[in-house]
Protein backbone atom coordinates (compact mmCIF):
# COMPACT_ATOMS: atom_id res chain seq x y z
CA MET A 1 48.02 -44.91 47.26
CA LYS A 2 50.44 -43.31 49.65
CA ARG A 3 51.39 -39.74 48.94
CA HIS A 4 54.26 -38.12 50.79
CA ALA A 5 55.09 -34.46 51.34
CA ARG A 6 57.87 -33.06 49.24
CA TRP A 7 61.21 -33.25 50.99
CA LEU A 8 63.48 -30.24 50.69
CA LYS A 9 67.08 -31.20 51.31
CA SER A 10 69.51 -29.32 53.49
CA SER A 11 71.15 -30.50 56.69
CA ALA A 12 67.87 -31.97 57.90
CA LEU A 13 64.31 -32.74 56.89
CA LEU A 14 62.25 -29.68 56.18
CA PHE A 15 58.58 -29.60 57.03
CA CYS A 16 56.01 -27.10 58.26
CA CYS A 17 54.10 -23.94 57.50
CA ILE A 18 51.69 -24.25 54.64
CA LEU A 19 53.17 -22.38 51.72
CA CYS A 20 51.12 -21.35 48.75
CA ALA A 21 52.39 -22.03 45.26
CA ALA A 22 55.05 -19.71 43.90
CA LEU A 23 52.56 -17.69 41.93
CA ALA A 24 50.60 -15.21 43.96
CA ALA A 25 47.32 -16.29 42.39
CA GLY A 26 48.08 -20.00 42.74
CA GLN A 27 45.68 -22.29 44.53
CA ILE A 28 47.93 -25.19 45.54
CA ASP A 29 48.97 -25.63 49.15
CA ARG A 30 52.34 -27.15 50.08
CA ILE A 31 53.33 -28.39 53.53
CA VAL A 32 56.93 -27.55 54.49
CA ILE A 33 58.86 -26.99 57.81
CA PRO A 34 62.06 -25.06 58.17
CA ALA A 35 64.99 -27.15 59.35
CA GLY A 36 66.00 -26.87 62.97
CA THR A 37 62.57 -26.00 64.37
CA PRO A 38 61.14 -28.03 67.28
CA GLU A 39 58.59 -29.50 64.88
CA ASP A 40 61.40 -30.64 62.59
CA HIS A 41 63.28 -32.33 65.45
CA ASP A 42 60.14 -34.15 66.63
CA LEU A 43 59.33 -35.32 63.11
CA GLN A 44 62.81 -36.74 62.74
CA ALA A 45 62.32 -38.71 65.94
CA ILE A 46 58.98 -40.02 64.69
CA SER A 47 60.54 -40.95 61.35
CA ASN A 48 63.19 -43.01 63.13
CA GLU A 49 60.59 -45.04 65.04
CA GLN A 50 60.11 -48.47 63.47
CA ASP A 51 57.14 -49.69 65.50
CA ALA A 52 53.91 -48.71 63.70
CA ALA A 53 51.79 -48.45 66.83
CA LYS A 54 54.35 -46.28 68.62
CA LYS A 55 54.76 -44.10 65.52
CA LEU A 56 51.01 -43.55 65.37
CA ALA A 57 50.92 -42.53 69.03
CA MET A 58 53.83 -40.15 68.45
CA TYR A 59 52.02 -38.46 65.58
CA GLN A 60 48.94 -38.07 67.77
CA ASP A 61 51.08 -36.47 70.48
CA PHE A 62 52.70 -34.27 67.79
CA VAL A 63 49.29 -32.94 66.72
CA GLN A 64 48.39 -32.13 70.32
CA LYS A 65 51.76 -30.56 71.10
CA TYR A 66 51.69 -28.23 68.10
CA SER A 67 47.95 -27.59 68.04
CA SER A 68 48.57 -23.87 67.59
CA ASN A 69 50.51 -24.51 64.36
CA PRO A 70 47.95 -25.22 61.59
CA ALA A 71 50.59 -26.60 59.24
CA ALA A 72 51.97 -29.02 61.79
CA VAL A 73 48.45 -30.18 62.65
CA ALA A 74 47.61 -30.70 58.97
CA TYR A 75 50.76 -32.69 58.36
CA GLY A 76 50.35 -34.77 61.52
CA ASN A 77 46.73 -35.61 60.75
CA TRP A 78 47.69 -36.57 57.22
CA GLN A 79 50.31 -39.02 58.52
CA ILE A 80 47.82 -40.44 61.02
CA SER A 81 45.36 -40.91 58.16
CA GLN A 82 47.91 -42.87 56.15
CA ALA A 83 48.79 -44.97 59.17
CA TYR A 84 45.15 -45.95 59.62
CA GLN A 85 44.88 -46.72 55.91
CA THR A 86 47.86 -49.05 56.19
CA SER A 87 46.28 -50.83 59.14
CA GLY A 88 42.97 -51.20 57.26
CA ASP A 89 40.89 -48.83 59.39
CA LEU A 90 39.52 -46.84 56.47
CA SER A 91 36.91 -44.99 58.53
CA LYS A 92 39.61 -43.52 60.78
CA ALA A 93 41.81 -42.89 57.75
CA LEU A 94 39.09 -40.75 56.17
CA GLU A 95 38.35 -39.00 59.46
CA TYR A 96 41.94 -37.86 59.97
CA GLY A 97 42.43 -37.15 56.29
CA ASP A 98 39.49 -34.77 56.40
CA LYS A 99 41.07 -33.04 59.41
CA ALA A 100 44.28 -32.63 57.44
CA LEU A 101 42.33 -31.16 54.55
CA VAL A 102 40.79 -28.52 56.80
CA GLY A 103 44.27 -27.22 57.52
CA SER A 104 45.47 -27.48 53.91
CA PRO A 105 42.35 -27.36 51.72
CA HIS A 106 44.12 -26.93 48.37
CA ASN A 107 46.70 -29.63 48.91
CA LEU A 108 46.65 -32.06 45.98
CA ASP A 109 48.76 -34.64 47.82
CA ILE A 110 46.21 -34.85 50.63
CA LEU A 111 43.31 -34.90 48.18
CA VAL A 112 44.88 -37.76 46.23
CA SER A 113 45.52 -39.63 49.48
CA LEU A 114 41.89 -39.20 50.54
CA ALA A 115 40.59 -40.16 47.10
CA SER A 116 42.59 -43.39 47.21
CA ILE A 117 41.18 -44.21 50.66
CA ALA A 118 37.63 -43.51 49.47
CA GLN A 119 38.25 -45.79 46.48
CA GLN A 120 39.46 -48.52 48.78
CA ALA A 121 36.38 -48.02 50.98
CA LYS A 122 34.14 -48.10 47.88
CA ASP A 123 32.64 -44.80 49.02
CA ASN A 124 31.87 -43.05 45.73
CA ALA A 125 30.08 -40.15 47.38
CA ARG A 126 33.15 -39.14 49.36
CA LEU A 127 35.44 -39.91 46.47
CA MET A 128 33.55 -37.46 44.26
CA THR A 129 33.85 -34.81 46.97
CA TYR A 130 37.64 -35.07 46.80
CA VAL A 131 37.57 -35.24 43.00
CA ALA A 132 35.52 -32.02 42.90
CA LYS A 133 37.90 -30.20 45.23
CA GLY A 134 40.91 -31.49 43.34
CA GLY A 135 39.39 -30.50 40.02
CA GLU A 136 38.95 -26.93 41.25
CA VAL A 137 42.62 -26.82 42.21
CA CYS A 138 43.78 -28.33 38.92
CA ASP A 139 41.57 -25.98 36.91
CA SER A 140 42.94 -22.97 38.79
CA LEU A 141 46.40 -23.65 37.36
CA GLY A 142 45.28 -22.48 33.94
CA ARG A 143 43.54 -19.36 35.23
CA GLN A 144 46.31 -17.71 37.19
CA LYS A 145 47.01 -14.01 36.73
CA LYS A 146 50.50 -12.72 36.27
CA PRO A 147 51.75 -10.88 39.37
CA GLU A 148 52.82 -7.29 38.89
CA GLY A 149 56.50 -6.91 38.10
CA MET A 150 56.90 -10.48 36.79
CA SER A 151 58.05 -10.90 33.21
CA ASP A 152 55.97 -12.89 30.74
CA ASP A 153 58.74 -15.48 30.38
CA GLU A 154 59.06 -15.98 34.12
CA PHE A 155 55.29 -16.23 34.53
CA THR A 156 55.05 -18.81 31.74
CA ARG A 157 57.93 -20.80 33.23
CA GLN A 158 56.38 -20.90 36.69
CA VAL A 159 52.94 -21.86 35.38
CA THR A 160 54.48 -24.66 33.31
CA GLU A 161 56.47 -25.95 36.28
CA GLU A 162 53.39 -25.88 38.49
CA LYS A 163 51.31 -27.77 35.92
CA ASN A 164 54.04 -30.36 35.39
CA ALA A 165 54.47 -30.86 39.13
CA SER A 166 50.71 -31.34 39.57
CA LYS A 167 50.02 -33.43 36.47
CA ASN A 168 50.16 -36.87 38.09
CA SER A 169 47.86 -35.79 40.92
CA CYS A 170 45.37 -34.15 38.56
CA ASP A 171 45.41 -37.19 36.25
CA PHE A 172 44.80 -39.52 39.20
CA LEU A 173 41.82 -37.51 40.46
CA GLU A 174 40.34 -37.20 36.97
CA SER A 175 40.67 -40.96 36.36
CA ALA A 176 39.32 -41.80 39.82
CA GLY A 177 36.23 -39.68 39.18
CA PHE A 178 35.59 -41.26 35.79
CA ASN A 179 36.06 -44.78 37.18
CA ALA A 180 33.51 -44.01 39.89
CA ILE A 181 30.98 -43.03 37.23
CA ALA A 182 31.72 -46.13 35.18
CA SER A 183 31.30 -48.44 38.17
CA GLU A 184 28.15 -46.82 39.60
CA ASN A 185 25.03 -48.99 39.33
CA ASP A 186 22.44 -46.57 40.69
CA PRO A 187 21.26 -44.18 37.91
CA LYS A 188 20.43 -41.33 40.30
CA ASN A 189 23.84 -41.54 41.98
CA ARG A 190 25.58 -41.89 38.62
CA MET A 191 23.98 -38.72 37.31
CA ALA A 192 24.96 -36.81 40.45
CA GLU A 193 28.54 -38.04 39.99
CA ILE A 194 28.50 -37.01 36.34
CA GLU A 195 27.39 -33.49 37.21
CA THR A 196 30.05 -33.21 39.90
CA PHE A 197 32.75 -34.52 37.57
CA SER A 198 31.75 -32.29 34.64
CA ALA A 199 31.97 -29.19 36.82
CA ALA A 200 35.34 -30.26 38.27
CA PHE A 201 36.95 -31.27 34.95
CA PRO A 202 35.15 -29.30 32.20
CA ASP A 203 37.81 -30.15 29.61
CA SER A 204 38.33 -33.76 30.64
CA LYS A 205 39.89 -36.30 28.32
CA PHE A 206 36.91 -38.47 29.30
CA SER A 207 34.32 -35.90 28.17
CA ASN A 208 32.89 -38.00 25.35
CA ASP A 209 32.57 -41.08 27.54
CA VAL A 210 31.02 -39.07 30.37
CA ALA A 211 28.51 -37.58 27.92
CA SER A 212 27.59 -41.10 26.80
CA TYR A 213 27.04 -42.20 30.40
CA ALA A 214 24.98 -39.08 31.09
CA MET A 215 22.60 -39.52 28.20
CA TYR A 216 22.31 -43.26 28.77
CA THR A 217 21.50 -42.55 32.41
CA LEU A 218 18.88 -39.95 31.52
CA GLY A 219 17.37 -42.10 28.78
CA PRO A 220 14.72 -44.85 28.69
CA GLY A 221 15.30 -47.73 31.07
CA GLN A 222 17.22 -45.52 33.48
CA LEU A 223 15.95 -42.15 34.77
CA ASN A 224 13.86 -41.60 31.62
CA ASP A 225 14.14 -37.84 32.00
CA GLN A 226 13.95 -36.65 28.41
CA ALA A 227 13.83 -32.93 29.22
CA ARG A 228 17.00 -33.25 31.29
CA LEU A 229 18.60 -35.38 28.56
CA PHE A 230 17.97 -32.70 25.96
CA ALA A 231 19.32 -30.01 28.28
CA TYR A 232 22.47 -31.99 29.08
CA GLY A 233 23.05 -32.87 25.44
CA GLU A 234 22.65 -29.29 24.27
CA LYS A 235 24.99 -28.12 27.04
CA THR A 236 27.55 -30.74 25.99
CA LEU A 237 27.39 -29.59 22.38
CA ALA A 238 27.75 -25.97 23.41
CA ALA A 239 31.09 -26.91 24.99
CA ASN A 240 32.07 -29.41 22.28
CA PRO A 241 30.09 -29.09 19.02
CA ASN A 242 31.74 -32.24 17.61
CA SER A 243 30.86 -34.58 20.49
CA LEU A 244 29.67 -37.72 18.71
CA PRO A 245 27.98 -39.24 21.78
CA ALA A 246 25.96 -36.05 22.29
CA LEU A 247 25.07 -35.75 18.61
CA LEU A 248 23.96 -39.38 18.35
CA LEU A 249 21.99 -39.44 21.59
CA LEU A 250 20.20 -36.20 20.75
CA ALA A 251 19.45 -37.39 17.23
CA GLY A 252 18.10 -40.70 18.53
CA SER A 253 16.02 -38.99 21.21
CA TYR A 254 14.58 -36.24 19.02
CA VAL A 255 13.58 -38.70 16.29
CA ASP A 256 11.07 -40.30 18.68
CA ASP A 257 9.98 -37.07 20.35
CA PRO A 258 6.42 -36.05 19.32
CA HIS A 259 6.88 -32.30 19.75
CA PRO A 260 6.90 -30.03 16.66
CA GLY A 261 10.37 -29.44 15.29
CA SER A 262 11.91 -32.53 16.89
CA LEU A 263 12.28 -34.42 13.59
CA THR A 264 14.08 -31.45 12.10
CA LYS A 265 16.48 -31.46 15.03
CA ALA A 266 16.99 -35.22 14.66
CA ILE A 267 17.94 -34.71 11.01
CA THR A 268 20.28 -31.83 11.84
CA TYR A 269 22.12 -33.77 14.54
CA SER A 270 22.28 -36.94 12.41
CA GLU A 271 23.80 -35.06 9.51
CA LYS A 272 26.33 -33.38 11.82
CA ALA A 273 27.25 -36.77 13.33
CA ILE A 274 27.79 -38.21 9.85
CA ALA A 275 30.08 -35.30 8.99
CA VAL A 276 32.05 -35.65 12.23
CA ALA A 277 32.37 -39.46 12.11
CA LYS A 278 33.68 -39.56 8.52
CA ALA A 279 32.91 -43.25 8.58
CA ASP A 280 33.49 -43.77 4.86
CA GLU A 281 37.12 -42.67 4.97
CA PRO A 282 39.79 -45.39 4.65
CA ASP A 283 41.23 -44.72 8.10
CA ALA A 284 37.87 -44.91 9.90
CA ASP A 285 38.07 -47.18 12.95
CA LYS A 286 35.26 -49.24 14.50
CA THR A 287 34.03 -46.37 16.66
CA ARG A 288 33.71 -44.02 13.70
CA LYS A 289 32.00 -46.66 11.56
CA LEU A 290 29.57 -47.49 14.34
CA SER A 291 28.82 -43.80 14.95
CA GLY A 292 28.36 -43.11 11.26
CA GLY A 293 26.14 -46.17 10.85
CA ILE A 294 23.87 -45.17 13.73
CA ALA A 295 23.64 -41.61 12.39
CA HIS A 296 22.65 -42.83 8.90
CA SER A 297 20.08 -45.16 10.50
CA VAL A 298 18.48 -42.36 12.51
CA LEU A 299 18.52 -40.03 9.50
CA GLY A 300 16.77 -42.65 7.36
CA TYR A 301 14.21 -43.27 10.10
CA ALA A 302 13.52 -39.53 10.36
CA TYR A 303 12.93 -39.37 6.61
CA ILE A 304 10.46 -42.27 6.85
CA LYS A 305 8.56 -40.42 9.56
CA GLN A 306 8.46 -37.35 7.29
CA ASP A 307 7.08 -39.54 4.46
CA LYS A 308 10.31 -39.05 2.52
CA THR A 309 10.71 -42.79 2.12
CA GLN A 310 12.63 -42.65 -1.16
CA ALA A 311 15.24 -40.42 0.48
CA ALA A 312 15.42 -42.77 3.47
CA ILE A 313 16.59 -45.80 1.48
CA PRO A 314 20.16 -44.68 0.61
CA GLU A 315 20.69 -43.55 4.21
CA LEU A 316 19.53 -46.89 5.57
CA LYS A 317 21.60 -48.83 3.02
CA SER A 318 24.66 -46.86 4.19
CA ALA A 319 23.73 -47.67 7.78
CA VAL A 320 23.47 -51.40 7.05
CA GLY A 321 26.82 -51.42 5.28
CA LEU A 322 28.60 -49.61 8.12
CA LEU A 323 26.97 -51.50 10.99
CA LYS A 324 27.38 -55.03 9.69
CA GLY A 325 29.99 -56.76 11.82
CA GLN A 326 30.20 -53.78 14.19
CA ASP A 327 27.09 -54.04 16.40
CA ASP A 328 24.40 -56.71 15.91
CA GLN A 329 21.61 -54.76 17.61
CA GLN A 330 22.18 -51.53 15.70
CA TYR A 331 22.61 -53.59 12.53
CA SER A 332 19.26 -55.32 13.09
CA ILE A 333 17.53 -51.97 13.72
CA ALA A 334 18.90 -50.57 10.46
CA LEU A 335 17.81 -53.74 8.60
CA TYR A 336 14.29 -53.47 9.99
CA ARG A 337 14.03 -49.81 9.02
CA LEU A 338 15.33 -50.54 5.53
CA GLY A 339 12.90 -53.44 5.15
CA PHE A 340 10.05 -51.19 6.30
CA ALA A 341 11.05 -48.51 3.77
CA TYR A 342 11.13 -51.01 0.91
CA ALA A 343 7.76 -52.42 1.98
CA LYS A 344 6.24 -48.95 2.14
CA LEU A 345 7.27 -48.41 -1.50
CA ASN A 346 5.89 -51.86 -2.43
CA ARG A 347 9.38 -53.12 -3.22
CA PHE A 348 8.53 -56.40 -1.54
CA THR A 349 11.32 -58.57 -2.99
CA GLU A 350 13.98 -56.20 -1.67
CA ALA A 351 12.12 -55.89 1.64
CA ARG A 352 12.03 -59.69 1.99
CA GLU A 353 15.79 -60.02 1.37
CA VAL A 354 16.59 -57.46 4.04
CA LEU A 355 14.12 -58.81 6.60
CA MET A 356 15.32 -62.40 6.10
CA GLU A 357 18.65 -61.16 7.46
CA ALA A 358 17.05 -59.19 10.28
CA VAL A 359 15.05 -62.13 11.69
CA LYS A 360 18.27 -64.09 12.26
CA ILE A 361 19.44 -61.63 14.92
CA SER A 362 18.15 -62.06 18.46
CA GLY A 363 17.16 -58.83 20.15
CA PRO A 364 14.48 -56.19 20.59
CA VAL A 365 13.52 -55.92 16.90
CA GLN A 366 13.57 -59.62 16.02
CA ALA A 367 9.85 -60.09 16.67
CA MET A 368 9.02 -56.88 14.78
CA SER A 369 11.11 -58.09 11.85
CA GLN A 370 9.35 -61.46 11.86
CA ASP A 371 5.95 -59.77 11.87
CA LEU A 372 6.88 -57.42 9.05
CA LEU A 373 8.41 -60.28 7.04
CA ALA A 374 5.15 -62.22 7.32
CA LYS A 375 3.22 -59.21 5.99
CA VAL A 376 5.73 -58.72 3.15
CA ASN A 377 5.48 -62.40 2.20
CA GLY A 378 1.72 -62.13 2.17
CA ALA A 379 1.82 -59.03 -0.02
CA ARG A 380 4.23 -60.72 -2.44
CA ALA A 381 1.95 -63.76 -2.68
CA LYS A 382 -1.05 -61.57 -3.48
CA GLY A 383 0.90 -59.73 -6.15
CA ARG A 384 1.73 -62.82 -8.12
């Protein structure tokens, strides 16, 4: 994605000197040059050049000629970076983009340009570096202090203008960071990217999805770091007590954790997830029904483990009803748990009906369901 400096119109193009944002406490850099300066005249000449190779050489000469002017150097290196991106030399594009960033470290246009190059180069590590820096700049917009002598209305107006002007850049960096997480195959790298992203965009619109990726990454089959999973989940809930992904992952993890008090936590988080999902309401969508179904399933399982099997059955029946047609694997797990609960109470006919449905579904619990069904059938035969 090409990003261009803002053009201020007068009798000529205006570029140079890095100007900070209008607010004294602002963190955004702008690159502008007063009209009529030698730098302005040279940039006009470069702009008029149609040959790409000659234009690149002219920008390189420009950077050397005005090496004592940090703003001119930053702008020139940025243009060189974009020229190399256009020609396909992404390594050089990143090299010169980084040089531009040194001269204008809080410049969202340069950060977006570099992030787009890193995306193109499939270099997630560098991309997340630019996302982190951009996130700091975007976050600073909401934490500015009113300068002395400025009225509240004027301060509010300037902050709003600054946020509006930066919105597209901030949205791009936020989306680029999330897409990097979603496309990352290495669990260790993914978790590092998640931590970087969460610090850069603490109130991200992708927070729930990022939390899901984090706890999946820390869970079994990936990093299998339960202590870190619990810590991340609790931290997520501290920031957002109604995060369904965090509630469900913590409930599901605590229910299988052998430490004292874990089952109580699993029940607490399951009940909170049920309350948040409101899966029984008429307007509940698939996500809410799935979340509610999983929460009821975990709650019923926790009751079974506490030998409160009678209390588990209505929870598991709710889970089965909500999960049917939503997710075959979660549906089969709920069926197995319900069948187990019925069998434990010697309600073998009901257990058999449930397990007959469970054994039809391919997946991790199919063999367990088949084994339990065989035992239930045997118990029914003996009881006749």
